[in-house]
Amino acid sequence: MLKFLLKPSLVAFLYCLFTVNSLQAVEVSKLDEADVPVTSRAVPERNSALKTALEKVIIKNTGTARSLDNSVIQSQLANPEALLSQFGYVEQNGQLLLKANFEHRRIVSLLRQAQLPVWGTQRPLTLFWVAMPSEGDTILLSDSSSLAERKVFSTFSDERGIPVLLPILDLDELMGINPNDVKGMFADIVASVSGRYQADFLALMAIDPEGSRVRYRLNLYSKTTIDSLTPPLFTFNGSAENSAQAITAMMAALGDYYFTKYAIADSGEQVGASVTFVNIDKMAQVVEVEKYLKQLSAVKNATLSRIQGNTVTFTLDLFGSQTDFERLLSLEPRISVVAPGEFSASASPAGKTVYQWRLP
C-alpha cells in the first residue's frame, strides 16, 4: 500500500518504481477510515470521537471541508454509528487513538443523497517545491526534513486523502535549482530537475517574511506541459502568521481546486455513454476493466455490451458528464489512449476515443 505522503525511507525505492512503471495517479486507500485522538474510553468521548471520525471520512471522500455544511450531512453526523463498520482503540507514541471504519457503500450513498460530489480512489500525485524562511535564510523543503512545515504535508495528505510528494534534494537537484527559482516561480527551471518524479502536477510554493508575518504564493502546473511561457493552472496567495499556517492555507485551497476538478456530482439527468478497449486478449482483463469502471465515482452502472475479436465495449450510465468520465480515465496508469492507426476502424464508432488496458 502506498501511503499518501511518501516516507523518506521509501523515496529511493518509489523513484525506481515510478520510473519503471510510469505511475502517475495514486490509488488511495483507507478513505473510509479515520483515527481520532482521545483521552479516555469513556462513552461520551467515544461518541464525540466517532462524529469527528465520520467528519474526516466525509472530507476524504469529497475532498473538501465545505461538505460538512450540507444539511443532510449535518443530520447524519448526529448518528455516526448508523454508518459504522467497526471501531477500536490503539496507543501510538503515548497517545490513545480511536480507530473507526465506516461502510463505503453507505458513505457514498449518503453523499449522493446529499447531492455532493464524490471523489474516487484514483487521485493525482502532486510534487511540491517549497521555498521558505529558516534561521535567517531561505531554504527548499525536502522530503527528509524534520521541520514542522513538513509535518503539515503529512497531516493534510492523511486528512484529505490527497497524495503529495516532496523532493529528495540530493546533490543533482541542489546543483540544478535554488530557492530563488521557486520564489520567482520559474516553473520551467523547476520542471527541468523534476523529471525523476512521475507526478501529475507540479506545485511551487513561495513563503517570504513580512514583518511579524509571512506572505505566500502557490502556482500549480500540469507537470507534462511546462515551458517559460506556461501559465499556472491555479494560483493562490495571501498572508499568515507563520510558514506552517501558510502551507496549511495553500494546501486547503489546492484541495478545493482538486475537488472541483475531480469529484463528480450527480447531474440528476440520464447520461449515457460507451467506452471501447482494444487489444484485450484475456477474459481476466475484461473482468478487471469492468470492475474498474464500476468503482469510478462518475459511473452509475457499467455493462459489457459487445465483444468482437480483441475489442470490448461497455455501455455506461454516468453521474456526471462524458468529460468528467474521460478525466478520470486519464488518471488511471493502466489505461492509455490508442492512436487511430493502431486499431481497426470497425472497432469503435467514428469520433470515439479508443483505450487500451495495460496489465500491471
Protein backbone atom coordinates (compact mmCIF):
# COMPACT_ATOMS: atom_id res chain seq x y z
CA MET A 1 0.00 0.00 0.00
CA LEU A 2 1.27 3.46 -0.88
CA LYS A 3 0.98 5.91 1.97
CA PHE A 4 -0.44 9.26 0.93
CA LEU A 5 2.77 11.12 1.79
CA LEU A 6 5.78 9.19 0.59
CA LYS A 7 8.05 8.42 3.53
CA PRO A 8 11.72 9.49 3.32
CA SER A 9 12.99 5.92 3.66
CA LEU A 10 10.88 4.86 0.71
CA VAL A 11 11.67 7.67 -1.70
CA ALA A 12 14.57 5.95 -3.45
CA PHE A 13 12.57 2.76 -3.90
CA LEU A 14 9.49 4.62 -5.10
CA TYR A 15 11.58 6.67 -7.51
CA CYS A 16 12.60 3.41 -9.17
CA LEU A 17 9.02 2.17 -9.02
CA PHE A 18 7.68 5.31 -10.68
CA THR A 19 10.39 5.23 -13.34
CA VAL A 20 9.82 1.59 -14.28
CA ASN A 21 6.04 1.65 -14.31
CA SER A 22 5.48 5.33 -15.26
CA LEU A 23 2.96 5.64 -12.44
CA GLN A 24 1.25 8.97 -12.00
CA ALA A 25 -2.09 8.97 -10.21
CA VAL A 26 -2.14 7.11 -6.92
CA GLU A 27 -4.84 4.70 -5.77
CA VAL A 28 -5.68 5.98 -2.31
CA SER A 29 -6.84 3.51 0.32
CA LYS A 30 -8.33 3.97 3.78
CA LEU A 31 -10.86 6.53 2.55
CA ASP A 32 -13.42 5.07 4.94
CA GLU A 33 -11.16 5.01 7.99
CA ALA A 34 -10.12 7.70 10.45
CA ASP A 35 -8.11 8.00 13.67
CA VAL A 36 -9.14 10.43 16.39
CA PRO A 37 -7.03 11.25 19.49
CA VAL A 38 -8.91 10.68 22.75
CA THR A 39 -8.02 10.95 26.44
CA SER A 40 -10.15 8.01 27.62
CA ARG A 41 -12.51 5.24 26.52
CA ALA A 42 -15.47 6.90 28.22
CA VAL A 43 -18.74 6.71 26.30
CA PRO A 44 -19.29 10.49 25.91
CA GLU A 45 -15.78 10.95 24.50
CA ARG A 46 -16.23 7.90 22.27
CA ASN A 47 -19.44 9.34 20.80
CA SER A 48 -17.73 12.67 20.13
CA ALA A 49 -14.75 10.91 18.54
CA LEU A 50 -17.00 8.83 16.26
CA LYS A 51 -18.62 12.03 15.00
CA THR A 52 -15.18 13.52 14.33
CA ALA A 53 -14.11 10.34 12.56
CA LEU A 54 -17.15 10.45 10.29
CA GLU A 55 -16.41 14.10 9.50
CA LYS A 56 -12.88 13.12 8.46
CA VAL A 57 -14.17 10.30 6.25
CA ILE A 58 -16.70 12.58 4.54
CA ILE A 59 -13.97 15.14 3.84
CA LYS A 60 -11.70 12.44 2.40
CA ASN A 61 -14.45 11.17 0.10
CA THR A 62 -15.44 14.61 -1.17
CA GLY A 63 -12.09 16.41 -0.91
CA THR A 64 -13.41 19.49 0.85
CA ALA A 65 -14.44 20.50 4.38
CA ARG A 66 -17.30 22.50 2.86
CA SER A 67 -19.24 19.24 2.52
CA LEU A 68 -19.80 19.27 6.30
CA ASP A 69 -22.08 22.30 5.93
CA ASN A 70 -24.65 20.23 3.99
CA SER A 71 -27.91 19.73 5.95
CA VAL A 72 -28.12 16.01 5.10
CA ILE A 73 -24.56 15.51 6.33
CA GLN A 74 -25.24 17.50 9.47
CA SER A 75 -28.20 15.25 10.25
CA GLN A 76 -26.14 12.08 9.76
CA LEU A 77 -23.30 13.38 11.93
CA ALA A 78 -25.69 13.19 14.86
CA ASN A 79 -25.78 9.42 14.37
CA PRO A 80 -22.38 8.21 13.10
CA GLU A 81 -22.99 4.69 14.45
CA ALA A 82 -25.51 4.07 11.64
CA LEU A 83 -22.67 4.02 9.10
CA LEU A 84 -20.07 2.42 11.36
CA SER A 85 -18.48 -0.87 10.38
CA GLN A 86 -16.17 -1.26 13.36
CA PHE A 87 -14.09 0.73 15.83
CA GLY A 88 -11.39 0.12 18.39
CA TYR A 89 -8.60 1.76 20.36
CA VAL A 90 -4.83 1.77 19.84
CA GLU A 91 -1.99 3.56 21.56
CA GLN A 92 0.54 5.32 19.34
CA ASN A 93 3.52 7.25 20.68
CA GLY A 94 1.83 7.51 24.05
CA GLN A 95 -1.41 8.84 22.53
CA LEU A 96 -4.68 6.89 22.75
CA LEU A 97 -6.49 6.82 19.39
CA LEU A 98 -9.98 5.74 18.44
CA LYS A 99 -9.84 3.99 15.05
CA ALA A 100 -13.14 3.92 13.16
CA ASN A 101 -14.11 2.16 9.93
CA PHE A 102 -17.28 3.08 8.06
CA GLU A 103 -19.15 1.20 5.31
CA HIS A 104 -18.01 2.53 1.95
CA ARG A 105 -21.26 1.97 0.06
CA ARG A 106 -23.29 3.71 2.74
CA ILE A 107 -20.86 6.64 2.78
CA VAL A 108 -21.18 7.06 -0.98
CA SER A 109 -24.97 6.66 -0.75
CA LEU A 110 -25.07 9.40 1.90
CA LEU A 111 -23.04 11.76 -0.28
CA ARG A 112 -25.27 11.07 -3.29
CA GLN A 113 -28.36 11.67 -1.14
CA ALA A 114 -26.83 14.97 -0.04
CA GLN A 115 -26.18 15.77 -3.74
CA LEU A 116 -22.50 16.18 -3.01
CA PRO A 117 -19.73 15.27 -5.45
CA VAL A 118 -17.88 12.03 -4.75
CA TRP A 119 -14.15 11.61 -5.29
CA GLY A 120 -12.94 8.13 -6.27
CA THR A 121 -9.80 6.29 -5.21
CA GLN A 122 -7.62 7.33 -8.19
CA ARG A 123 -6.18 10.70 -7.28
CA PRO A 124 -3.48 12.88 -8.84
CA LEU A 125 0.02 12.91 -7.39
CA THR A 126 1.48 16.37 -6.81
CA LEU A 127 5.18 17.21 -6.44
CA PHE A 128 5.73 20.24 -4.17
CA TRP A 129 8.71 22.59 -4.32
CA VAL A 130 8.64 24.89 -1.29
CA ALA A 131 10.92 27.91 -0.74
CA MET A 132 10.59 29.16 2.84
CA PRO A 133 12.47 31.15 5.50
CA SER A 134 14.55 29.24 8.06
CA GLU A 135 17.03 30.67 10.56
CA GLY A 136 17.53 33.89 8.62
CA ASP A 137 17.97 32.17 5.28
CA THR A 138 15.71 30.82 2.52
CA ILE A 139 15.66 27.06 2.06
CA LEU A 140 13.94 24.41 -0.04
CA LEU A 141 11.86 21.97 1.98
CA SER A 142 12.94 18.36 1.46
CA ASP A 143 11.15 15.07 1.95
CA SER A 144 13.53 14.15 4.79
CA SER A 145 13.18 17.47 6.64
CA SER A 146 12.42 17.37 10.37
CA LEU A 147 10.83 20.83 10.30
CA ALA A 148 7.24 21.26 11.44
CA GLU A 149 6.32 22.53 7.97
CA ARG A 150 6.93 19.08 6.51
CA LYS A 151 4.51 17.57 9.05
CA VAL A 152 1.81 19.85 7.64
CA PHE A 153 2.03 17.97 4.34
CA SER A 154 1.70 14.62 6.09
CA THR A 155 -1.32 15.76 8.09
CA PHE A 156 -3.03 17.25 5.05
CA SER A 157 -2.42 14.16 2.97
CA ASP A 158 -3.84 11.85 5.64
CA GLU A 159 -6.88 14.03 6.35
CA ARG A 160 -7.81 14.83 2.74
CA GLY A 161 -6.68 11.63 1.05
CA ILE A 162 -4.61 13.64 -1.42
CA PRO A 163 -1.21 12.14 -2.36
CA VAL A 164 1.70 14.56 -2.05
CA LEU A 165 5.41 14.25 -2.79
CA LEU A 166 8.36 16.39 -1.71
CA PRO A 167 11.77 16.35 -3.47
CA ILE A 168 14.73 14.36 -2.18
CA LEU A 169 17.05 17.35 -2.67
CA ASP A 170 20.12 15.28 -3.44
CA LEU A 171 23.28 16.77 -4.94
CA ASP A 172 21.98 16.62 -8.52
CA GLU A 173 18.88 18.59 -7.61
CA LEU A 174 20.74 21.14 -5.48
CA MET A 175 23.09 21.82 -8.38
CA GLY A 176 20.18 22.38 -10.76
CA ILE A 177 17.87 24.51 -8.62
CA ASN A 178 17.96 27.06 -5.81
CA PRO A 179 15.29 28.73 -3.64
CA ASN A 180 15.14 31.81 -5.89
CA ASP A 181 13.98 29.64 -8.79
CA VAL A 182 10.96 28.63 -6.72
CA LYS A 183 10.40 32.10 -5.26
CA GLY A 184 10.49 33.54 -8.78
CA MET A 185 8.02 30.90 -9.97
CA PHE A 186 10.35 29.78 -12.75
CA ALA A 187 8.34 26.66 -13.44
CA ASP A 188 10.42 25.62 -16.46
CA ILE A 189 13.61 25.50 -14.37
CA VAL A 190 11.89 23.59 -11.59
CA ALA A 191 10.39 21.16 -14.09
CA SER A 192 13.82 20.51 -15.60
CA VAL A 193 15.03 18.96 -12.33
CA SER A 194 11.77 17.16 -11.59
CA GLY A 195 11.93 14.52 -14.30
CA ARG A 196 12.58 11.64 -11.90
CA TYR A 197 9.24 12.21 -10.18
CA GLN A 198 6.37 10.89 -12.29
CA ALA A 199 3.76 13.20 -10.75
CA ASP A 200 0.66 14.60 -12.43
CA PHE A 201 1.10 18.13 -11.11
CA LEU A 202 3.93 20.41 -10.06
CA ALA A 203 3.25 22.92 -7.28
CA LEU A 204 5.55 25.84 -6.49
CA MET A 205 5.15 27.41 -3.04
CA ALA A 206 7.00 30.59 -2.05
CA ILE A 207 6.91 31.91 1.52
CA ASP A 208 8.56 35.23 2.42
CA PRO A 209 8.87 37.09 5.75
CA GLU A 210 6.79 40.26 6.02
CA GLY A 211 7.29 41.94 9.37
CA SER A 212 5.99 39.59 12.06
CA ARG A 213 4.05 37.60 9.47
CA VAL A 214 4.73 35.83 6.17
CA ARG A 215 3.36 36.22 2.68
CA TYR A 216 2.80 33.17 0.49
CA ARG A 217 2.07 32.26 -3.11
CA LEU A 218 1.14 28.99 -4.78
CA ASN A 219 1.29 28.20 -8.51
CA LEU A 220 0.12 24.84 -9.85
CA TYR A 221 1.17 23.38 -13.21
CA SER A 222 0.49 20.23 -15.16
CA LYS A 223 3.89 18.55 -14.98
CA THR A 224 3.83 17.35 -18.59
CA THR A 225 3.34 20.77 -20.20
CA ILE A 226 5.72 23.37 -18.77
CA ASP A 227 7.88 25.94 -20.52
CA SER A 228 8.87 29.51 -19.72
CA LEU A 229 5.53 30.85 -21.00
CA THR A 230 3.20 28.25 -19.45
CA PRO A 231 0.58 29.95 -17.25
CA PRO A 232 -0.35 28.23 -13.98
CA LEU A 233 -3.50 26.12 -13.85
CA PHE A 234 -4.25 27.51 -10.42
CA THR A 235 -2.76 30.25 -8.26
CA PHE A 236 -3.38 31.29 -4.67
CA ASN A 237 -1.77 33.86 -2.39
CA GLY A 238 -2.21 35.59 0.95
CA SER A 239 -0.59 36.14 4.34
CA ALA A 240 -0.33 34.10 7.53
CA GLU A 241 1.26 34.20 10.98
CA ASN A 242 3.95 31.66 10.11
CA SER A 243 5.14 29.21 7.44
CA ALA A 244 3.16 26.26 8.81
CA GLN A 245 -0.09 28.23 8.65
CA ALA A 246 0.81 29.46 5.16
CA ILE A 247 1.29 25.89 3.93
CA THR A 248 -1.98 24.84 5.58
CA ALA A 249 -3.84 27.65 3.78
CA MET A 250 -2.27 26.83 0.41
CA MET A 251 -2.95 23.11 0.77
CA ALA A 252 -6.58 23.76 1.71
CA ALA A 253 -7.01 25.91 -1.39
CA LEU A 254 -5.35 23.25 -3.54
CA GLY A 255 -7.62 20.58 -2.05
CA ASP A 256 -10.65 22.64 -3.03
CA TYR A 257 -9.26 23.03 -6.56
CA TYR A 258 -8.87 19.27 -6.94
CA PHE A 259 -12.37 18.84 -5.51
CA THR A 260 -13.87 20.97 -8.28
CA LYS A 261 -11.79 19.16 -10.91
CA TYR A 262 -12.14 15.51 -9.92
CA ALA A 263 -15.08 14.98 -7.54
CA ILE A 264 -18.18 14.01 -9.52
CA ALA A 265 -21.70 15.14 -8.66
CA ASP A 266 -24.92 13.51 -9.80
CA SER A 267 -26.25 15.72 -12.59
CA GLY A 268 -29.77 14.44 -11.98
CA GLU A 269 -30.04 13.60 -15.66
CA GLN A 270 -29.79 10.31 -17.54
CA VAL A 271 -26.34 10.48 -19.09
CA GLY A 272 -25.42 7.53 -21.29
CA ALA A 273 -22.02 6.78 -22.80
CA SER A 274 -19.86 3.96 -24.06
CA VAL A 275 -16.18 3.14 -23.86
CA THR A 276 -14.15 0.77 -26.03
CA PHE A 277 -10.94 -1.09 -25.18
CA VAL A 278 -8.75 -2.83 -27.75
CA ASN A 279 -6.01 -5.46 -27.50
CA ILE A 280 -7.96 -7.41 -24.89
CA ASP A 281 -6.76 -10.99 -25.16
CA LYS A 282 -7.76 -12.49 -21.82
CA MET A 283 -11.13 -12.75 -20.11
CA ALA A 284 -9.38 -11.72 -16.89
CA GLN A 285 -8.73 -8.32 -18.50
CA VAL A 286 -12.43 -7.92 -19.29
CA VAL A 287 -13.26 -8.67 -15.66
CA GLU A 288 -10.65 -6.19 -14.39
CA VAL A 289 -11.85 -3.43 -16.73
CA GLU A 290 -15.48 -3.93 -15.70
CA LYS A 291 -14.52 -3.93 -12.02
CA TYR A 292 -12.52 -0.73 -12.53
CA LEU A 293 -15.34 1.05 -14.38
CA LYS A 294 -17.95 0.16 -11.77
CA GLN A 295 -15.93 1.68 -8.93
CA LEU A 296 -15.45 5.05 -10.66
CA SER A 297 -17.21 7.95 -8.95
CA ALA A 298 -18.57 9.09 -12.34
CA VAL A 299 -20.19 5.75 -13.20
CA LYS A 300 -23.65 4.64 -12.03
CA ASN A 301 -23.53 1.39 -13.94
CA ALA A 302 -21.31 -0.36 -16.49
CA THR A 303 -22.50 -3.20 -18.72
CA LEU A 304 -20.45 -5.26 -21.17
CA SER A 305 -22.32 -4.71 -24.42
CA ARG A 306 -20.02 -6.02 -27.16
CA ILE A 307 -17.07 -8.34 -27.70
CA GLN A 308 -15.56 -8.51 -31.17
CA GLY A 309 -12.19 -10.19 -31.51
CA ASN A 310 -9.88 -8.46 -29.04
CA THR A 311 -12.13 -5.40 -28.75
CA VAL A 312 -14.67 -4.92 -25.95
CA THR A 313 -17.22 -2.15 -25.47
CA PHE A 314 -19.04 -1.20 -22.27
CA THR A 315 -22.28 0.78 -22.09
CA LEU A 316 -22.31 3.26 -19.22
CA ASP A 317 -24.74 5.28 -17.14
CA LEU A 318 -22.93 8.31 -15.73
CA PHE A 319 -23.40 10.59 -12.74
CA GLY A 320 -21.58 13.45 -14.42
CA SER A 321 -20.62 14.24 -17.99
CA GLN A 322 -18.59 12.38 -20.60
CA THR A 323 -15.80 14.90 -19.94
CA ASP A 324 -15.84 14.05 -16.22
CA PHE A 325 -15.59 10.37 -17.08
CA GLU A 326 -12.70 10.85 -19.50
CA ARG A 327 -10.85 12.99 -16.95
CA LEU A 328 -10.96 10.09 -14.50
CA LEU A 329 -9.74 7.66 -17.15
CA SER A 330 -6.70 9.88 -17.71
CA LEU A 331 -5.64 9.30 -14.10
CA GLU A 332 -5.51 5.50 -14.38
CA PRO A 333 -1.94 4.30 -15.15
CA ARG A 334 -3.27 1.03 -16.61
CA ILE A 335 -5.22 2.90 -19.31
CA SER A 336 -3.77 4.60 -22.38
CA VAL A 337 -5.34 6.21 -25.44
CA VAL A 338 -4.75 4.25 -28.64
CA ALA A 339 -3.82 6.18 -31.78
CA PRO A 340 -6.40 5.83 -34.61
CA GLY A 341 -3.97 3.98 -36.87
CA GLU A 342 -3.35 1.27 -34.28
CA PHE A 343 -6.79 -0.36 -34.40
CA SER A 344 -9.43 -1.33 -36.93
CA ALA A 345 -11.87 1.39 -37.92
CA SER A 346 -14.70 -1.00 -37.10
CA ALA A 347 -13.53 -1.33 -33.51
CA SER A 348 -15.27 1.82 -32.36
CA PRO A 349 -17.82 4.35 -33.68
CA ALA A 350 -16.36 7.26 -35.63
CA GLY A 351 -15.01 10.05 -33.46
CA LYS A 352 -14.85 7.93 -30.30
CA THR A 353 -11.65 7.65 -28.29
CA VAL A 354 -10.38 4.09 -28.00
CA TYR A 355 -8.40 2.87 -25.00
CA GLN A 356 -6.02 0.08 -24.12
CA TRP A 357 -5.87 -1.70 -20.75
CA ARG A 358 -2.29 -2.41 -19.75
CA LEU A 359 -1.59 -5.29 -17.43
CA PRO A 360 0.33 -4.32 -14.27
